[in-house]
Protein backbone atom coordinates (compact mmCIF):
# COMPACT_ATOMS: atom_id res chain seq x y z
CA MET A 1 78.89 97.19 100.26
CA TYR A 2 80.74 99.68 98.49
CA HIS A 3 84.47 100.21 99.17
CA TYR A 4 88.02 102.41 97.78
CA TYR A 5 89.86 100.05 95.89
CA TYR A 6 93.87 100.63 94.74
CA VAL A 7 95.74 98.63 92.02
CA ASN A 8 99.27 97.72 92.79
CA ASN A 9 102.19 99.38 91.13
CA ASN A 10 104.36 96.57 91.46
CA GLN A 11 103.84 93.49 89.68
CA THR A 12 106.46 91.57 91.52
CA LEU A 13 104.75 91.73 95.22
CA ASN A 14 102.59 89.26 94.78
CA PRO A 15 102.47 85.32 93.33
CA GLY A 16 101.25 85.56 90.11
CA LEU A 17 103.61 88.25 89.55
CA HIS A 18 100.68 90.93 88.36
CA HIS A 19 99.44 94.16 89.66
CA GLU A 20 97.13 93.04 92.23
CA VAL A 21 93.86 95.00 93.55
CA HIS A 22 93.01 95.70 97.13
CA THR A 23 90.83 97.30 99.33
CA LYS A 24 92.22 100.37 100.69
CA GLU A 25 92.00 98.41 104.28
CA HIS A 26 93.43 95.24 102.83
CA ALA A 27 96.44 97.60 100.65
CA GLU A 28 97.02 99.33 104.22
CA GLN A 29 97.60 96.34 106.65
CA LEU A 30 100.03 94.88 103.97
CA GLY A 31 101.79 97.89 103.63
CA ILE A 32 101.63 98.71 100.62
CA ARG A 33 103.27 102.04 99.63
CA SER A 34 103.42 102.30 95.71
CA ALA A 35 99.06 101.94 94.72
CA GLN A 36 97.36 103.68 92.34
CA TYR A 37 93.49 104.61 93.48
CA VAL A 38 90.78 102.35 90.91
CA GLY A 39 88.00 104.15 92.57
CA TYR A 40 84.76 103.45 95.07
CA PHE A 41 83.02 100.65 93.97
CA GLU A 42 79.64 98.44 94.98
CA ASN A 43 81.88 95.03 94.22
CA GLU A 44 85.35 94.07 93.40
CA VAL A 45 84.37 92.62 90.20
CA GLU A 46 83.91 96.34 89.34
CA ALA A 47 87.13 97.43 90.70
CA VAL A 48 89.11 95.05 88.86
CA ALA A 49 87.49 95.62 85.31
CA HIS A 50 88.64 99.37 86.33
CA ALA A 51 92.02 98.38 87.36
CA LYS A 52 92.73 96.66 83.75
CA LYS A 53 92.53 99.84 82.08
CA ILE A 54 95.36 101.28 84.22
CA TYR A 55 97.15 97.78 84.03
CA LEU A 56 95.71 94.81 81.25
CA ASP A 57 97.27 92.09 83.89
CA ALA A 58 95.18 93.11 87.11
CA ASP A 59 93.44 90.72 89.02
CA GLY A 60 92.06 90.32 92.30
CA CYS A 61 93.36 90.15 95.55
CA ALA A 62 92.33 86.42 96.56
CA ILE A 63 92.08 87.67 100.21
CA CYS A 64 89.96 90.74 99.83
CA CYS A 65 88.67 90.55 96.14
CA PRO A 66 88.41 86.92 95.83
CA LYS A 67 85.41 86.68 93.26
CA ALA A 68 87.41 89.10 90.69
CA HIS A 69 90.70 86.66 91.69
CA ARG A 70 91.89 84.26 88.90
CA GLY A 71 95.43 83.76 90.19
C-alpha cells in the first residue's frame, strides 16, 4: 500500500539521534513540525533508501516503518 513519507529534520527528537522517516499520518500524530517530504512509495524500505539521499543517517520509525527500522 502506498503512503506519503517524510523525514524529520531534527535528529534530536528520537532515541537513536538520527533523522527518522515517518508516514504522513504518523508524523501528524506526533506533531512533527520540521520535516521534509521524501515521496510517495509502496513501502518504507524504498522511502528510507530515498531519504538517505537527503540525510545519510535516515532510519525508519519503529512504529510506522518497522521493516526499515535499524535502531
